[in-house]
């Protein structure tokens, strides 16, 4: 998902990761939403047999948003790993995102939450089918 430049106003901190470093680990607890400022990351998920690559993300892509939009606070269901060299990410201001998100009409929030839940379920089911 490419973003408008306005998202950069939400960045409260930046972090740099070297190739193959885990930015967000599957099963880890976390609430951050990230935007890629430089580099590429792999989104991965483990199934019973192996680790699957779900997507390769690049500059301006956002990750970590599914749990945020679902309203879930807990353990991450995928990993984000620095790929192909150093990666610089921006950490988005969760409090400000939450305030702005709550200003969106409730019907739209329900729709977004439903879409994120369906996406998460589809990822889970797809990973179970792949061996």
C-alpha atoms as a PDB file:
ATOM      1  CA  UNK A   1       0.000   0.000   0.000  1.00  0.00           C
ATOM      2  CA  UNK A   2       1.581   3.289  -1.069  1.00  0.00           C
ATOM      3  CA  UNK A   3       0.813   6.272   1.094  1.00  0.00           C
ATOM      4  CA  UNK A   4       0.436   9.980   0.750  1.00  0.00           C
ATOM      5  CA  UNK A   5       3.183  12.202   2.099  1.00  0.00           C
ATOM      6  CA  UNK A   6       0.812  13.301   4.888  1.00  0.00           C
ATOM      7  CA  UNK A   7       1.482  10.022   6.739  1.00  0.00           C
ATOM      8  CA  UNK A   8       5.008  11.258   7.441  1.00  0.00           C
ATOM      9  CA  UNK A   9       3.479  13.711   9.916  1.00  0.00           C
ATOM     10  CA  UNK A  10       2.566  10.726  12.101  1.00  0.00           C
ATOM     11  CA  UNK A  11       6.175   9.545  12.494  1.00  0.00           C
ATOM     12  CA  UNK A  12       7.398   9.903  16.076  1.00  0.00           C
ATOM     13  CA  UNK A  13      10.629   7.928  15.814  1.00  0.00           C
ATOM     14  CA  UNK A  14      12.849   6.161  13.299  1.00  0.00           C
ATOM     15  CA  UNK A  15      14.741   2.892  13.553  1.00  0.00           C
ATOM     16  CA  UNK A  16      17.323   1.239  11.292  1.00  0.00           C
ATOM     17  CA  UNK A  17      17.695  -2.524  10.897  1.00  0.00           C
ATOM     18  CA  UNK A  18      20.420  -4.488   9.156  1.00  0.00           C
ATOM     19  CA  UNK A  19      19.715  -7.215   6.581  1.00  0.00           C
ATOM     20  CA  UNK A  20      17.781 -10.190   8.055  1.00  0.00           C
ATOM     21  CA  UNK A  21      17.024  -8.363  11.315  1.00  0.00           C
ATOM     22  CA  UNK A  22      13.539  -8.984  12.699  1.00  0.00           C
ATOM     23  CA  UNK A  23      11.622  -5.717  12.938  1.00  0.00           C
ATOM     24  CA  UNK A  24       8.382  -7.251  14.125  1.00  0.00           C
ATOM     25  CA  UNK A  25       8.375 -10.877  15.242  1.00  0.00           C
ATOM     26  CA  UNK A  26       5.528 -13.332  14.905  1.00  0.00           C
ATOM     27  CA  UNK A  27       4.267 -14.077  18.390  1.00  0.00           C
ATOM     28  CA  UNK A  28       5.826 -10.930  19.841  1.00  0.00           C
ATOM     29  CA  UNK A  29       3.755  -8.353  21.658  1.00  0.00           C
ATOM     30  CA  UNK A  30       3.528  -5.007  19.960  1.00  0.00           C
ATOM     31  CA  UNK A  31       1.326  -2.117  19.041  1.00  0.00           C
ATOM     32  CA  UNK A  32       3.466  -0.110  16.627  1.00  0.00           C
ATOM     33  CA  UNK A  33       2.454   0.688  13.078  1.00  0.00           C
ATOM     34  CA  UNK A  34       5.409   1.269  10.761  1.00  0.00           C
ATOM     35  CA  UNK A  35       6.139   2.967   7.441  1.00  0.00           C
ATOM     36  CA  UNK A  36       9.177   1.987   5.386  1.00  0.00           C
ATOM     37  CA  UNK A  37      11.415   4.995   4.779  1.00  0.00           C
ATOM     38  CA  UNK A  38      14.252   3.136   3.009  1.00  0.00           C
ATOM     39  CA  UNK A  39      14.825  -0.447   1.941  1.00  0.00           C
ATOM     40  CA  UNK A  40      12.662  -3.549   1.688  1.00  0.00           C
ATOM     41  CA  UNK A  41      11.131  -5.954   4.167  1.00  0.00           C
ATOM     42  CA  UNK A  42       9.682  -9.449   3.910  1.00  0.00           C
ATOM     43  CA  UNK A  43       6.442 -10.250   5.685  1.00  0.00           C
ATOM     44  CA  UNK A  44       6.639 -13.873   6.791  1.00  0.00           C
ATOM     45  CA  UNK A  45       4.481 -16.378   8.631  1.00  0.00           C
ATOM     46  CA  UNK A  46       5.297 -19.812   9.989  1.00  0.00           C
ATOM     47  CA  UNK A  47       3.121 -22.820   9.378  1.00  0.00           C
ATOM     48  CA  UNK A  48       3.713 -26.317  10.711  1.00  0.00           C
ATOM     49  CA  UNK A  49       6.348 -27.068   8.051  1.00  0.00           C
ATOM     50  CA  UNK A  50       8.171 -23.871   7.082  1.00  0.00           C
ATOM     51  CA  UNK A  51       8.319 -20.087   7.054  1.00  0.00           C
ATOM     52  CA  UNK A  52       6.328 -18.567   4.201  1.00  0.00           C
ATOM     53  CA  UNK A  53       7.014 -15.211   2.539  1.00  0.00           C
ATOM     54  CA  UNK A  54       3.674 -13.395   2.313  1.00  0.00           C
ATOM     55  CA  UNK A  55       4.867 -10.182   0.705  1.00  0.00           C
ATOM     56  CA  UNK A  56       7.841  -7.960  -0.038  1.00  0.00           C
ATOM     57  CA  UNK A  57       7.255  -4.342   0.997  1.00  0.00           C
ATOM     58  CA  UNK A  58       9.151  -1.251  -0.140  1.00  0.00           C
ATOM     59  CA  UNK A  59       9.489   2.465   0.596  1.00  0.00           C
ATOM     60  CA  UNK A  60       6.222   4.113   1.716  1.00  0.00           C
ATOM     61  CA  UNK A  61       4.518   0.787   2.495  1.00  0.00           C
ATOM     62  CA  UNK A  62       2.869   0.438   5.898  1.00  0.00           C
ATOM     63  CA  UNK A  63       2.908  -2.667   8.091  1.00  0.00           C
ATOM     64  CA  UNK A  64       1.602  -3.535  11.535  1.00  0.00           C
ATOM     65  CA  UNK A  65      -1.750  -1.949  10.747  1.00  0.00           C
ATOM     66  CA  UNK A  66      -3.942  -5.061  10.843  1.00  0.00           C
ATOM     67  CA  UNK A  67      -3.959  -5.346  14.631  1.00  0.00           C
ATOM     68  CA  UNK A  68      -4.375  -1.585  14.973  1.00  0.00           C
ATOM     69  CA  UNK A  69      -7.385  -1.457  12.643  1.00  0.00           C
ATOM     70  CA  UNK A  70      -8.864  -4.616  14.154  1.00  0.00           C
ATOM     71  CA  UNK A  71      -8.610  -3.049  17.593  1.00  0.00           C
ATOM     72  CA  UNK A  72      -6.525  -5.978  18.829  1.00  0.00           C
ATOM     73  CA  UNK A  73      -3.789  -5.450  21.380  1.00  0.00           C
ATOM     74  CA  UNK A  74      -1.693  -8.512  21.722  1.00  0.00           C
ATOM     75  CA  UNK A  75       0.633 -10.792  19.870  1.00  0.00           C
ATOM     76  CA  UNK A  76       1.661 -10.246  16.253  1.00  0.00           C
ATOM     77  CA  UNK A  77       0.581 -12.941  13.805  1.00  0.00           C
ATOM     78  CA  UNK A  78       3.329 -12.277  11.208  1.00  0.00           C
ATOM     79  CA  UNK A  79       6.976 -11.258  11.151  1.00  0.00           C
ATOM     80  CA  UNK A  80       8.599  -8.359   9.316  1.00  0.00           C
ATOM     81  CA  UNK A  81      12.245  -8.968   8.401  1.00  0.00           C
ATOM     82  CA  UNK A  82      14.747  -6.556   6.816  1.00  0.00           C
ATOM     83  CA  UNK A  83      15.455  -7.842   3.309  1.00  0.00           C
ATOM     84  CA  UNK A  84      18.217  -7.061   0.833  1.00  0.00           C
ATOM     85  CA  UNK A  85      20.152  -4.639   3.017  1.00  0.00           C
ATOM     86  CA  UNK A  86      19.590  -2.037   5.719  1.00  0.00           C
ATOM     87  CA  UNK A  87      16.031  -0.858   6.303  1.00  0.00           C
ATOM     88  CA  UNK A  88      14.925   2.398   7.906  1.00  0.00           C
ATOM     89  CA  UNK A  89      11.386   2.544   9.276  1.00  0.00           C
ATOM     90  CA  UNK A  90       9.275   5.253  10.839  1.00  0.00           C
ATOM     91  CA  UNK A  91       7.172   4.429  13.892  1.00  0.00           C
ATOM     92  CA  UNK A  92       3.771   6.060  13.716  1.00  0.00           C
ATOM     93  CA  UNK A  93       2.148   7.919  16.612  1.00  0.00           C
ATOM     94  CA  UNK A  94      -0.430   5.385  17.808  1.00  0.00           C
ATOM     95  CA  UNK A  95      -2.256   7.856  20.065  1.00  0.00           C
ATOM     96  CA  UNK A  96      -2.722  10.341  17.228  1.00  0.00           C
ATOM     97  CA  UNK A  97      -3.703   7.577  14.791  1.00  0.00           C
ATOM     98  CA  UNK A  98      -6.263   6.327  17.303  1.00  0.00           C
ATOM     99  CA  UNK A  99      -7.726   9.816  17.802  1.00  0.00           C
ATOM    100  CA  UNK A 100      -7.989  10.368  14.051  1.00  0.00           C
ATOM    101  CA  UNK A 101      -9.371   6.865  13.504  1.00  0.00           C
ATOM    102  CA  UNK A 102     -12.050   7.418  16.154  1.00  0.00           C
ATOM    103  CA  UNK A 103     -13.121  10.565  14.283  1.00  0.00           C
ATOM    104  CA  UNK A 104     -14.006   8.420  11.252  1.00  0.00           C
ATOM    105  CA  UNK A 105     -17.719   7.508  11.076  1.00  0.00           C
ATOM    106  CA  UNK A 106     -18.459   4.301  12.991  1.00  0.00           C
ATOM    107  CA  UNK A 107     -19.776   2.544   9.870  1.00  0.00           C
ATOM    108  CA  UNK A 108     -16.397   3.040   8.159  1.00  0.00           C
ATOM    109  CA  UNK A 109     -14.531   1.804  11.261  1.00  0.00           C
ATOM    110  CA  UNK A 110     -16.714  -1.319  11.297  1.00  0.00           C
ATOM    111  CA  UNK A 111     -16.006  -1.873   7.607  1.00  0.00           C
ATOM    112  CA  UNK A 112     -12.232  -1.456   8.076  1.00  0.00           C
ATOM    113  CA  UNK A 113     -12.222  -3.771  11.093  1.00  0.00           C
ATOM    114  CA  UNK A 114     -14.162  -6.372   9.118  1.00  0.00           C
ATOM    115  CA  UNK A 115     -11.772  -6.105   6.168  1.00  0.00           C
ATOM    116  CA  UNK A 116      -8.723  -6.500   8.421  1.00  0.00           C
ATOM    117  CA  UNK A 117     -10.283  -9.508  10.170  1.00  0.00           C
ATOM    118  CA  UNK A 118     -11.036 -11.136   6.804  1.00  0.00           C
ATOM    119  CA  UNK A 119      -7.487 -10.444   5.597  1.00  0.00           C
ATOM    120  CA  UNK A 120      -6.011 -11.939   8.763  1.00  0.00           C
ATOM    121  CA  UNK A 121      -8.256 -15.019   8.441  1.00  0.00           C
ATOM    122  CA  UNK A 122      -7.319 -15.428   4.769  1.00  0.00           C
ATOM    123  CA  UNK A 123      -3.613 -15.269   5.627  1.00  0.00           C
ATOM    124  CA  UNK A 124      -4.088 -17.891   8.344  1.00  0.00           C
ATOM    125  CA  UNK A 125      -6.060 -20.251   6.085  1.00  0.00           C
ATOM    126  CA  UNK A 126      -3.652 -19.832   3.165  1.00  0.00           C
ATOM    127  CA  UNK A 127      -0.664 -20.617   5.361  1.00  0.00           C
ATOM    128  CA  UNK A 128      -2.356 -23.764   6.632  1.00  0.00           C
ATOM    129  CA  UNK A 129      -2.931 -24.988   3.068  1.00  0.00           C
ATOM    130  CA  UNK A 130       0.665 -24.465   1.912  1.00  0.00           C
ATOM    131  CA  UNK A 131       3.052 -27.271   2.737  1.00  0.00           C
END
